[in-house]
Amino acid sequence: MEQTKYTRIQSDLSSVQLNQVITAAQILCAGGTVAFPTETVYGLGADVTNPAAVDKIYKIKQRPADHPLIVHIGNISHMHYWAQAIPESAWKLANHFWPGPLTLILPRNHRIPDNVTGGQATVGLRFPAHPVASALLSALGPEKALAAPSANRFGRISPTSAAHVYQELGNTIDMILDGGACEVGLESTIVSFHDKTPQILRPGSITLSAIEAVLNNPVILAHNINQSIRTSGSLPAHYAPTTPLRLYSNIQIWPHALALAKENLRVLVITWSNTHKPKFSDQFIEQFSMPADPVAYGKQLYAKLRQFDQAEFDYMLIESPPDHPNWLAIADRLQRASYHSPNNN
């Protein structure tokens, strides 16, 4: 590969990071897989134009073949290369929020292989903001992009550090680019344009109100209705630790913790408020306080769930987040993480 392709990004990365990016780009062009950081979570990437390489992602993650992958691009102008019939409202959102944690579901064109979209006629495109992701996409050039779900086993907690990726996938992938901890910590907001009214198929850090403000039009929260399009993170059970996780209000959480402790079960209580906490001493119950701010909470959520999942608790009880639009993404992830927990209410 020609060194001149990388001159634009040398001011953004150290020489060591730049060499790692060059190596990663060579691995991807040869049909390999590379984990890389974004501002949301770490992705497991393959050359979107290589169906055999894309198949490796499904195998490594043990991901259902009909569950589509998000395609990461390196510039807003590249939308034309991978999608078609792009509505004006999609351009408005891209110009306002990209690079950033927003995925747009658009009609795919012939350059997108079937195994990237799960056989659907649409493709999810995203322009990530992380400098390492940007450098990697620049190195690949405008005629390539990265098909990349989160770099973890399917249904498990998404990784927000390179160490998390290695814990999950080990040596099953060809390379891990370490870009530090992810700034946002939650997956991107997904907006679909397959209908006349834009729909949010997955909430994220870019909120409904922010999207409506840019479009100056209403947007549907499609997670409350039947979705006609399959998207990443849309299954009822997802983002889950191996430790059973239950959600309770701040009034319910402590009585349930005490009941489990009476059965000699180790319980972790994760709260964001300090109300209704009883005075007691119980060796089977530990408490951890999360931030009361949704941005800070979201940044810590996956890392803390992963940390506590390794601490051999019998149950994790989590205080339900506030019923507020800014907490919608966190509520969505916790509901899916607790989906298989018995007697959850």
Foldseek 3Di string as FASTA:
>chain_A
DDPVLQPVLPVPDPPVLLVVLLVVLVQQVVLFWEWEAFLAFIWIWHWQQDVSSVVLVCVLQVHDQLFAFAKEAQDPVLCVVFAPPDDPLVVLCCVVAPQHQEWEKGQTDPSGDCSRQSNDRIHIYHHTDQSSQNSNNSSNPSNIIIRIDALAHWQAAGHQFQVVSCVGRNVSGPYYNTPDGRQQHHHGFYWYDPDPAIETQADGQCFQVNSCVSVVHHYHDCLVDDDPGRHPPNDLAGRAFPAAEAEDALQPQVVVVVVVVVVVFAEEEEEADDPPDDDDDGPRYHYDHAHLDQRRNSSCPRVVNVVVSVVPGNYYYYHQRDPDRSCVNVNSSSSNRNVPHPPHD
